N, C-alpha and C. Protein backbone atom coordinates (compact mmCIF):
# COMPACT_ATOMS: atom_id res chain seq x y z
N MET A 1 0.83 -1.19 0.00
CA MET A 1 0.00 0.00 0.00
C MET A 1 0.87 1.25 0.00
N GLY A 2 1.96 1.25 0.79
CA GLY A 2 2.84 2.40 0.87
C GLY A 2 3.52 2.67 -0.45
N ARG A 3 3.89 1.61 -1.15
CA ARG A 3 4.54 1.75 -2.45
C ARG A 3 3.60 2.39 -3.48
N ILE A 4 2.33 2.00 -3.48
CA ILE A 4 1.33 2.57 -4.38
C ILE A 4 1.13 4.05 -4.07
N ALA A 5 1.06 4.38 -2.78
CA ALA A 5 0.89 5.78 -2.37
C ALA A 5 2.06 6.63 -2.84
N ILE A 6 3.27 6.12 -2.73
CA ILE A 6 4.46 6.85 -3.18
C ILE A 6 4.41 7.05 -4.69
N GLN A 7 4.00 6.01 -5.43
CA GLN A 7 3.90 6.13 -6.89
C GLN A 7 2.85 7.17 -7.29
N ILE A 8 1.73 7.19 -6.58
CA ILE A 8 0.68 8.18 -6.87
C ILE A 8 1.19 9.58 -6.60
N VAL A 9 1.85 9.77 -5.46
CA VAL A 9 2.40 11.09 -5.11
C VAL A 9 3.43 11.52 -6.15
N LEU A 10 4.30 10.63 -6.57
CA LEU A 10 5.30 10.96 -7.59
C LEU A 10 4.63 11.32 -8.91
N ALA A 11 3.62 10.54 -9.31
CA ALA A 11 2.90 10.82 -10.56
C ALA A 11 2.21 12.17 -10.48
N LEU A 12 1.57 12.47 -9.36
CA LEU A 12 0.91 13.78 -9.20
C LEU A 12 1.93 14.90 -9.25
N GLY A 13 3.08 14.70 -8.65
CA GLY A 13 4.13 15.72 -8.67
C GLY A 13 4.61 16.00 -10.09
N ILE A 14 4.74 14.96 -10.89
CA ILE A 14 5.16 15.13 -12.29
C ILE A 14 4.08 15.88 -13.07
N VAL A 15 2.81 15.54 -12.88
CA VAL A 15 1.72 16.21 -13.57
C VAL A 15 1.66 17.68 -13.16
N ILE A 16 1.74 17.96 -11.86
CA ILE A 16 1.70 19.34 -11.37
C ILE A 16 2.90 20.12 -11.89
N SER A 17 4.07 19.53 -11.89
CA SER A 17 5.27 20.20 -12.40
C SER A 17 5.13 20.50 -13.89
N ALA A 18 4.62 19.54 -14.66
CA ALA A 18 4.43 19.74 -16.11
C ALA A 18 3.39 20.83 -16.36
N HIS A 19 2.31 20.83 -15.57
CA HIS A 19 1.27 21.86 -15.71
C HIS A 19 1.84 23.24 -15.39
N SER A 20 2.64 23.32 -14.33
CA SER A 20 3.24 24.59 -13.93
C SER A 20 4.18 25.11 -15.00
N GLN A 21 4.97 24.21 -15.60
CA GLN A 21 5.90 24.60 -16.65
C GLN A 21 5.13 25.08 -17.88
N THR A 22 4.06 24.36 -18.26
CA THR A 22 3.23 24.76 -19.40
C THR A 22 2.58 26.11 -19.13
N SER A 23 2.06 26.32 -17.91
CA SER A 23 1.45 27.59 -17.56
C SER A 23 2.45 28.73 -17.67
N GLN A 24 3.67 28.50 -17.18
CA GLN A 24 4.70 29.53 -17.25
C GLN A 24 5.08 29.81 -18.71
N GLU A 25 5.13 28.78 -19.54
CA GLU A 25 5.42 28.98 -20.96
C GLU A 25 4.31 29.79 -21.63
N ASN A 26 3.03 29.49 -21.28
CA ASN A 26 1.90 30.24 -21.83
C ASN A 26 1.98 31.71 -21.44
N ILE A 27 2.29 31.97 -20.17
CA ILE A 27 2.38 33.35 -19.69
C ILE A 27 3.54 34.07 -20.38
N SER A 28 4.68 33.41 -20.52
CA SER A 28 5.83 34.02 -21.19
C SER A 28 5.52 34.36 -22.64
N ARG A 29 4.87 33.44 -23.33
CA ARG A 29 4.51 33.67 -24.73
C ARG A 29 3.48 34.79 -24.84
N ALA A 30 2.52 34.81 -23.92
CA ALA A 30 1.50 35.87 -23.91
C ALA A 30 2.14 37.23 -23.70
N LYS A 31 3.07 37.31 -22.77
CA LYS A 31 3.76 38.58 -22.52
C LYS A 31 4.54 39.03 -23.76
N GLU A 32 5.15 38.09 -24.45
CA GLU A 32 5.87 38.41 -25.68
C GLU A 32 4.93 39.02 -26.72
N VAL A 33 3.75 38.43 -26.87
CA VAL A 33 2.76 38.95 -27.82
C VAL A 33 2.27 40.32 -27.38
N ILE A 34 1.92 40.46 -26.11
CA ILE A 34 1.39 41.73 -25.60
C ILE A 34 2.41 42.85 -25.72
N LEU A 35 3.67 42.57 -25.42
CA LEU A 35 4.70 43.60 -25.54
C LEU A 35 4.94 43.99 -27.00
N ALA A 36 4.71 43.06 -27.93
CA ALA A 36 4.83 43.40 -29.36
C ALA A 36 3.67 44.30 -29.80
N LEU A 37 2.51 44.15 -29.19
CA LEU A 37 1.32 44.93 -29.56
C LEU A 37 1.24 46.26 -28.82
N HIS A 38 1.89 46.35 -27.68
CA HIS A 38 1.85 47.54 -26.84
C HIS A 38 2.77 48.63 -27.39
N GLY A 39 2.32 49.88 -27.27
CA GLY A 39 3.16 51.00 -27.67
C GLY A 39 2.39 52.01 -28.50
N ASP A 40 3.13 52.86 -29.18
CA ASP A 40 2.53 53.88 -30.04
C ASP A 40 2.60 53.41 -31.49
N PHE A 41 1.43 53.29 -32.12
CA PHE A 41 1.33 52.77 -33.48
C PHE A 41 0.50 53.73 -34.33
N THR A 42 0.76 53.72 -35.62
CA THR A 42 -0.16 54.29 -36.59
C THR A 42 -0.77 53.11 -37.33
N TRP A 43 -1.97 53.28 -37.83
CA TRP A 43 -2.61 52.18 -38.54
C TRP A 43 -3.29 52.72 -39.80
N GLU A 44 -3.40 51.80 -40.76
CA GLU A 44 -4.08 52.09 -42.02
C GLU A 44 -5.03 50.95 -42.32
N MET A 45 -6.23 51.31 -42.76
CA MET A 45 -7.27 50.33 -43.08
C MET A 45 -7.45 50.29 -44.59
N PHE A 46 -7.51 49.07 -45.13
CA PHE A 46 -7.60 48.87 -46.57
C PHE A 46 -8.75 47.93 -46.92
N LYS A 47 -9.20 48.03 -48.16
CA LYS A 47 -10.11 47.07 -48.76
C LYS A 47 -9.27 46.31 -49.79
N PRO A 48 -8.73 45.14 -49.43
CA PRO A 48 -7.77 44.43 -50.29
C PRO A 48 -8.27 44.11 -51.69
N SER A 49 -9.55 43.78 -51.85
CA SER A 49 -10.05 43.38 -53.17
C SER A 49 -9.92 44.50 -54.19
N GLU A 50 -9.94 45.75 -53.72
CA GLU A 50 -9.82 46.90 -54.61
C GLU A 50 -8.50 47.64 -54.44
N ASN A 51 -7.64 47.09 -53.56
CA ASN A 51 -6.38 47.75 -53.22
C ASN A 51 -6.65 49.21 -52.85
N LYS A 52 -7.70 49.41 -52.04
CA LYS A 52 -8.19 50.74 -51.72
C LYS A 52 -7.92 51.10 -50.26
N PHE A 53 -7.33 52.28 -50.05
CA PHE A 53 -7.12 52.83 -48.72
C PHE A 53 -8.46 53.37 -48.21
N LEU A 54 -8.83 53.03 -46.96
CA LEU A 54 -10.10 53.49 -46.41
C LEU A 54 -9.93 54.60 -45.37
N ARG A 55 -9.05 54.40 -44.42
CA ARG A 55 -8.82 55.41 -43.38
C ARG A 55 -7.57 55.06 -42.59
N SER A 56 -7.17 55.98 -41.72
CA SER A 56 -5.97 55.76 -40.92
C SER A 56 -6.21 56.31 -39.52
N GLY A 57 -5.26 56.05 -38.64
CA GLY A 57 -5.38 56.53 -37.27
C GLY A 57 -4.15 56.21 -36.47
N SER A 58 -4.28 56.37 -35.16
CA SER A 58 -3.15 56.11 -34.27
C SER A 58 -3.65 55.40 -33.02
N ARG A 59 -2.73 54.70 -32.36
CA ARG A 59 -3.05 53.99 -31.12
C ARG A 59 -1.92 54.20 -30.13
N THR A 60 -2.28 54.55 -28.92
CA THR A 60 -1.32 54.59 -27.82
C THR A 60 -1.80 53.61 -26.76
N SER A 61 -0.89 53.14 -25.92
CA SER A 61 -1.31 52.19 -24.90
C SER A 61 -0.45 52.32 -23.65
N GLN A 62 -1.00 51.78 -22.57
CA GLN A 62 -0.30 51.70 -21.29
C GLN A 62 -0.38 50.26 -20.81
N ILE A 63 0.75 49.72 -20.39
CA ILE A 63 0.84 48.32 -19.99
C ILE A 63 0.49 48.15 -18.51
N TYR A 64 -0.15 47.03 -18.17
CA TYR A 64 -0.56 46.75 -16.79
C TYR A 64 -0.41 45.27 -16.49
N LEU A 65 -0.65 44.92 -15.24
CA LEU A 65 -0.74 43.53 -14.78
C LEU A 65 0.48 42.71 -15.17
N ASP A 66 1.66 43.22 -14.83
CA ASP A 66 2.91 42.51 -15.09
C ASP A 66 3.03 42.10 -16.56
N SER A 67 2.69 43.03 -17.44
CA SER A 67 2.80 42.85 -18.90
C SER A 67 1.86 41.79 -19.47
N THR A 68 0.75 41.54 -18.77
CA THR A 68 -0.23 40.61 -19.33
C THR A 68 -1.47 41.33 -19.85
N ALA A 69 -1.46 42.68 -19.82
CA ALA A 69 -2.61 43.44 -20.34
C ALA A 69 -2.17 44.87 -20.66
N PHE A 70 -2.93 45.52 -21.56
CA PHE A 70 -2.74 46.94 -21.80
C PHE A 70 -4.06 47.61 -22.12
N PHE A 71 -4.14 48.88 -21.73
CA PHE A 71 -5.24 49.75 -22.14
C PHE A 71 -4.78 50.50 -23.36
N ALA A 72 -5.66 50.64 -24.34
CA ALA A 72 -5.30 51.35 -25.56
C ALA A 72 -6.33 52.43 -25.86
N HIS A 73 -5.85 53.47 -26.54
CA HIS A 73 -6.71 54.56 -26.99
C HIS A 73 -6.41 54.76 -28.47
N GLU A 74 -7.43 54.64 -29.31
CA GLU A 74 -7.26 54.82 -30.75
C GLU A 74 -8.01 56.06 -31.21
N LEU A 75 -7.37 56.79 -32.09
CA LEU A 75 -7.99 57.95 -32.72
C LEU A 75 -8.01 57.73 -34.22
N PHE A 76 -9.14 58.05 -34.85
CA PHE A 76 -9.26 57.94 -36.29
C PHE A 76 -8.88 59.30 -36.88
N ASP A 77 -7.98 59.31 -37.87
CA ASP A 77 -7.60 60.55 -38.52
C ASP A 77 -8.80 61.17 -39.24
N ASN A 78 -8.83 62.50 -39.29
CA ASN A 78 -9.88 63.24 -40.01
C ASN A 78 -11.28 62.83 -39.58
N SER A 79 -11.45 62.55 -38.29
CA SER A 79 -12.73 62.08 -37.79
C SER A 79 -12.77 62.35 -36.28
N LYS A 80 -13.94 62.29 -35.74
CA LYS A 80 -14.09 62.41 -34.28
C LYS A 80 -14.23 61.04 -33.63
N ILE A 81 -14.08 59.98 -34.43
CA ILE A 81 -14.22 58.63 -33.90
C ILE A 81 -13.00 58.27 -33.07
N GLU A 82 -13.25 57.71 -31.91
CA GLU A 82 -12.17 57.19 -31.08
C GLU A 82 -12.64 55.93 -30.37
N GLN A 83 -11.68 55.19 -29.87
CA GLN A 83 -11.97 53.91 -29.24
C GLN A 83 -11.06 53.75 -28.03
N ILE A 84 -11.59 53.14 -26.98
CA ILE A 84 -10.76 52.71 -25.86
C ILE A 84 -10.92 51.20 -25.74
N SER A 85 -9.86 50.54 -25.32
CA SER A 85 -9.94 49.08 -25.23
C SER A 85 -9.03 48.54 -24.15
N LEU A 86 -9.33 47.34 -23.75
CA LEU A 86 -8.50 46.57 -22.84
C LEU A 86 -8.17 45.27 -23.56
N PHE A 87 -6.88 44.95 -23.63
CA PHE A 87 -6.42 43.76 -24.32
C PHE A 87 -5.50 43.02 -23.37
N GLY A 88 -5.68 41.71 -23.24
CA GLY A 88 -4.81 41.00 -22.31
C GLY A 88 -4.90 39.49 -22.43
N PHE A 89 -4.29 38.84 -21.44
CA PHE A 89 -4.20 37.38 -21.40
C PHE A 89 -4.67 36.91 -20.04
N ASN A 90 -5.52 35.88 -20.02
CA ASN A 90 -6.00 35.27 -18.80
C ASN A 90 -5.27 33.95 -18.61
N PRO A 91 -4.31 33.88 -17.67
CA PRO A 91 -3.55 32.64 -17.49
C PRO A 91 -4.41 31.46 -17.03
N GLN A 92 -5.54 31.73 -16.37
CA GLN A 92 -6.39 30.63 -15.91
C GLN A 92 -7.05 29.90 -17.08
N SER A 93 -7.49 30.66 -18.09
CA SER A 93 -8.17 30.05 -19.22
C SER A 93 -7.24 29.89 -20.43
N THR A 94 -6.05 30.45 -20.34
CA THR A 94 -5.05 30.52 -21.43
C THR A 94 -5.63 31.17 -22.68
N GLN A 95 -6.55 32.10 -22.49
CA GLN A 95 -7.14 32.83 -23.61
C GLN A 95 -6.77 34.30 -23.54
N PHE A 96 -6.70 34.91 -24.70
CA PHE A 96 -6.55 36.35 -24.79
C PHE A 96 -7.95 36.94 -24.79
N TYR A 97 -8.05 38.19 -24.40
CA TYR A 97 -9.34 38.87 -24.43
C TYR A 97 -9.16 40.28 -24.98
N SER A 98 -10.20 40.78 -25.58
CA SER A 98 -10.21 42.12 -26.13
C SER A 98 -11.59 42.70 -25.91
N THR A 99 -11.63 43.86 -25.29
CA THR A 99 -12.88 44.58 -25.07
C THR A 99 -12.68 45.99 -25.59
N ALA A 100 -13.50 46.41 -26.53
CA ALA A 100 -13.35 47.73 -27.14
C ALA A 100 -14.69 48.46 -27.16
N VAL A 101 -14.61 49.76 -26.92
CA VAL A 101 -15.80 50.61 -26.97
C VAL A 101 -15.45 51.84 -27.80
N TYR A 102 -16.35 52.17 -28.72
CA TYR A 102 -16.18 53.35 -29.57
C TYR A 102 -17.12 54.46 -29.09
N ASN A 103 -16.82 55.69 -29.48
CA ASN A 103 -17.69 56.80 -29.11
C ASN A 103 -18.82 57.00 -30.11
N VAL A 104 -18.99 56.08 -31.02
CA VAL A 104 -20.13 56.08 -31.94
C VAL A 104 -21.03 54.91 -31.55
N ASP A 105 -22.21 54.89 -32.03
CA ASP A 105 -23.21 53.94 -31.59
C ASP A 105 -22.99 52.54 -32.18
N THR A 106 -21.93 51.86 -31.74
CA THR A 106 -21.67 50.50 -32.23
C THR A 106 -21.77 49.46 -31.13
N GLY A 107 -21.85 49.88 -29.87
CA GLY A 107 -21.88 48.94 -28.77
C GLY A 107 -20.51 48.37 -28.49
N PRO A 108 -20.34 47.68 -27.37
CA PRO A 108 -19.02 47.13 -27.04
C PRO A 108 -18.69 45.91 -27.90
N HIS A 109 -17.42 45.75 -28.18
CA HIS A 109 -16.91 44.56 -28.88
C HIS A 109 -16.16 43.75 -27.84
N ILE A 110 -16.67 42.58 -27.52
CA ILE A 110 -16.07 41.73 -26.49
C ILE A 110 -15.71 40.42 -27.15
N MET A 111 -14.42 40.09 -27.11
CA MET A 111 -13.96 38.88 -27.79
C MET A 111 -12.95 38.14 -26.92
N SER A 112 -12.87 36.85 -27.13
CA SER A 112 -11.80 36.06 -26.54
C SER A 112 -11.17 35.25 -27.66
N GLY A 113 -9.91 34.90 -27.47
CA GLY A 113 -9.22 34.19 -28.53
C GLY A 113 -8.03 33.39 -28.05
N ARG A 114 -7.52 32.62 -28.96
CA ARG A 114 -6.37 31.76 -28.67
C ARG A 114 -5.23 32.05 -29.63
N LEU A 115 -4.04 31.77 -29.17
CA LEU A 115 -2.82 32.00 -29.94
C LEU A 115 -2.41 30.73 -30.68
N ASP A 116 -2.16 30.85 -31.97
CA ASP A 116 -1.51 29.80 -32.73
C ASP A 116 -0.02 30.09 -32.60
N ARG A 117 0.65 29.37 -31.74
CA ARG A 117 2.04 29.67 -31.38
C ARG A 117 3.00 29.55 -32.55
N LYS A 118 2.72 28.66 -33.47
CA LYS A 118 3.63 28.45 -34.60
C LYS A 118 3.57 29.61 -35.58
N LYS A 119 2.39 30.19 -35.75
CA LYS A 119 2.21 31.24 -36.75
C LYS A 119 2.16 32.64 -36.15
N MET A 120 2.20 32.76 -34.82
CA MET A 120 2.06 34.05 -34.12
C MET A 120 0.80 34.77 -34.57
N LYS A 121 -0.29 34.02 -34.59
CA LYS A 121 -1.60 34.57 -34.93
C LYS A 121 -2.55 34.33 -33.77
N LEU A 122 -3.32 35.36 -33.47
CA LEU A 122 -4.39 35.25 -32.49
C LEU A 122 -5.70 35.17 -33.24
N TYR A 123 -6.53 34.20 -32.88
CA TYR A 123 -7.84 34.05 -33.49
C TYR A 123 -8.89 34.42 -32.46
N PHE A 124 -9.68 35.47 -32.76
CA PHE A 124 -10.74 35.94 -31.88
C PHE A 124 -12.09 35.64 -32.50
N PHE A 125 -13.02 35.25 -31.66
CA PHE A 125 -14.38 34.99 -32.12
C PHE A 125 -15.31 35.96 -31.42
N GLU A 126 -15.90 36.86 -32.20
CA GLU A 126 -16.81 37.87 -31.64
C GLU A 126 -18.18 37.25 -31.40
N ASN A 127 -18.57 36.35 -32.23
CA ASN A 127 -19.79 35.56 -32.08
C ASN A 127 -19.57 34.29 -32.90
N ASP A 128 -20.57 33.51 -33.07
CA ASP A 128 -20.39 32.24 -33.79
C ASP A 128 -20.11 32.41 -35.27
N SER A 129 -20.33 33.61 -35.81
CA SER A 129 -20.18 33.76 -37.26
C SER A 129 -19.12 34.79 -37.68
N THR A 130 -18.37 35.34 -36.72
CA THR A 130 -17.32 36.30 -37.06
C THR A 130 -16.01 35.89 -36.40
N LYS A 131 -14.97 35.81 -37.22
CA LYS A 131 -13.63 35.48 -36.71
C LYS A 131 -12.68 36.60 -37.11
N HIS A 132 -11.90 37.07 -36.15
CA HIS A 132 -10.89 38.09 -36.40
C HIS A 132 -9.52 37.45 -36.19
N THR A 133 -8.58 37.82 -37.03
CA THR A 133 -7.22 37.30 -36.90
C THR A 133 -6.27 38.46 -36.71
N LEU A 134 -5.49 38.38 -35.65
CA LEU A 134 -4.44 39.37 -35.37
C LEU A 134 -3.11 38.65 -35.55
N GLU A 135 -2.40 39.04 -36.60
CA GLU A 135 -1.13 38.39 -36.92
C GLU A 135 0.02 39.30 -36.49
N VAL A 136 0.85 38.80 -35.59
CA VAL A 136 2.01 39.55 -35.11
C VAL A 136 3.17 39.25 -36.05
N LEU A 137 3.59 40.28 -36.80
CA LEU A 137 4.66 40.11 -37.79
C LEU A 137 6.02 40.46 -37.21
N GLY A 138 6.05 40.87 -35.98
CA GLY A 138 7.28 41.25 -35.30
C GLY A 138 6.96 42.33 -34.29
N HIS A 139 7.98 42.90 -33.70
CA HIS A 139 7.80 43.91 -32.66
C HIS A 139 7.24 45.22 -33.22
N ASN A 140 7.41 45.45 -34.51
CA ASN A 140 7.05 46.75 -35.09
C ASN A 140 5.82 46.71 -36.01
N GLU A 141 5.24 45.55 -36.24
CA GLU A 141 4.09 45.49 -37.15
C GLU A 141 3.17 44.32 -36.81
N HIS A 142 1.87 44.58 -36.93
CA HIS A 142 0.87 43.52 -36.83
C HIS A 142 -0.30 43.87 -37.72
N ARG A 143 -1.10 42.85 -38.04
CA ARG A 143 -2.22 43.01 -38.99
C ARG A 143 -3.48 42.39 -38.43
N TRP A 144 -4.59 43.03 -38.77
CA TRP A 144 -5.91 42.59 -38.33
C TRP A 144 -6.77 42.30 -39.55
N THR A 145 -7.34 41.12 -39.61
CA THR A 145 -8.27 40.76 -40.68
C THR A 145 -9.54 40.17 -40.05
N SER A 146 -10.57 40.03 -40.86
CA SER A 146 -11.84 39.55 -40.35
C SER A 146 -12.47 38.61 -41.38
N GLU A 147 -13.23 37.64 -40.87
CA GLU A 147 -13.91 36.69 -41.73
C GLU A 147 -15.32 36.42 -41.20
N LYS A 148 -16.21 36.07 -42.10
CA LYS A 148 -17.58 35.67 -41.74
C LYS A 148 -17.78 34.21 -42.12
N LEU A 149 -18.58 33.52 -41.34
CA LEU A 149 -18.90 32.13 -41.62
C LEU A 149 -20.10 32.07 -42.57
N ALA A 150 -19.90 31.45 -43.73
CA ALA A 150 -20.97 31.29 -44.72
C ALA A 150 -20.95 29.84 -45.21
N ASP A 151 -22.03 29.13 -44.99
CA ASP A 151 -22.12 27.72 -45.38
C ASP A 151 -20.95 26.90 -44.83
N ASN A 152 -20.63 27.14 -43.55
CA ASN A 152 -19.55 26.43 -42.83
C ASN A 152 -18.16 26.67 -43.41
N VAL A 153 -17.98 27.79 -44.12
CA VAL A 153 -16.68 28.16 -44.68
C VAL A 153 -16.37 29.59 -44.24
N TRP A 154 -15.14 29.84 -43.78
CA TRP A 154 -14.74 31.19 -43.40
C TRP A 154 -14.40 31.99 -44.66
N VAL A 155 -15.13 33.08 -44.86
CA VAL A 155 -14.98 33.93 -46.04
C VAL A 155 -14.43 35.30 -45.60
N PRO A 156 -13.35 35.78 -46.24
CA PRO A 156 -12.78 37.08 -45.85
C PRO A 156 -13.79 38.21 -45.97
N ASN A 157 -13.71 39.16 -45.01
CA ASN A 157 -14.59 40.33 -45.00
C ASN A 157 -14.05 41.48 -45.84
N ASP A 158 -12.97 41.27 -46.55
CA ASP A 158 -12.37 42.31 -47.38
C ASP A 158 -11.94 43.52 -46.55
N LEU A 159 -11.27 43.23 -45.44
CA LEU A 159 -10.78 44.27 -44.55
C LEU A 159 -9.39 43.89 -44.07
N LEU A 160 -8.47 44.83 -44.15
CA LEU A 160 -7.11 44.64 -43.64
C LEU A 160 -6.71 45.92 -42.92
N ILE A 161 -6.27 45.78 -41.67
CA ILE A 161 -5.74 46.91 -40.93
C ILE A 161 -4.29 46.58 -40.59
N VAL A 162 -3.39 47.48 -40.99
CA VAL A 162 -1.95 47.29 -40.76
C VAL A 162 -1.51 48.30 -39.71
N PHE A 163 -0.92 47.80 -38.64
CA PHE A 163 -0.39 48.63 -37.55
C PHE A 163 1.12 48.66 -37.64
N ARG A 164 1.69 49.88 -37.60
CA ARG A 164 3.16 50.02 -37.62
C ARG A 164 3.60 50.88 -36.45
N ARG A 165 4.61 50.40 -35.74
CA ARG A 165 5.11 51.12 -34.56
C ARG A 165 5.72 52.45 -34.99
N ASN A 166 5.40 53.50 -34.24
CA ASN A 166 6.02 54.81 -34.48
C ASN A 166 7.47 54.74 -34.03
N GLN A 167 8.36 55.23 -34.85
CA GLN A 167 9.80 55.19 -34.52
C GLN A 167 10.24 56.44 -33.81
């Protein structure tokens, strides 16, 4: 009986240690992503199918919670539209979250998403039929695209937003 108890304790210790290591890896990777997205950026919005520029703006942010979240403020150029948002990582659920509110009548955008670690892409689902992809291209650039679900196939929304860090 004592031998079985020791084996169970050892097995539990290995599982807990592996879980702790995985959790720490998730937090480290999340911080890497958040620090790449945090800062002062300019952005441009395009309609790719027509290679058409739609609008531009800027984003500033402040980092919080030991680099696992940031508050952002976006301003649209040549417009009175602005947005505030909270973007971060929840280590308990291993999901990223994004909550954004605009000063125009659009209501809050509340999304959660997961990181594809190999591609450095975050996939957010706003509802069952809208998927947003945030692709981190490095510390100085990231891109936002959107897709709609039609007949069980993800179809691009013909929207691309490119964010570039201000130098």
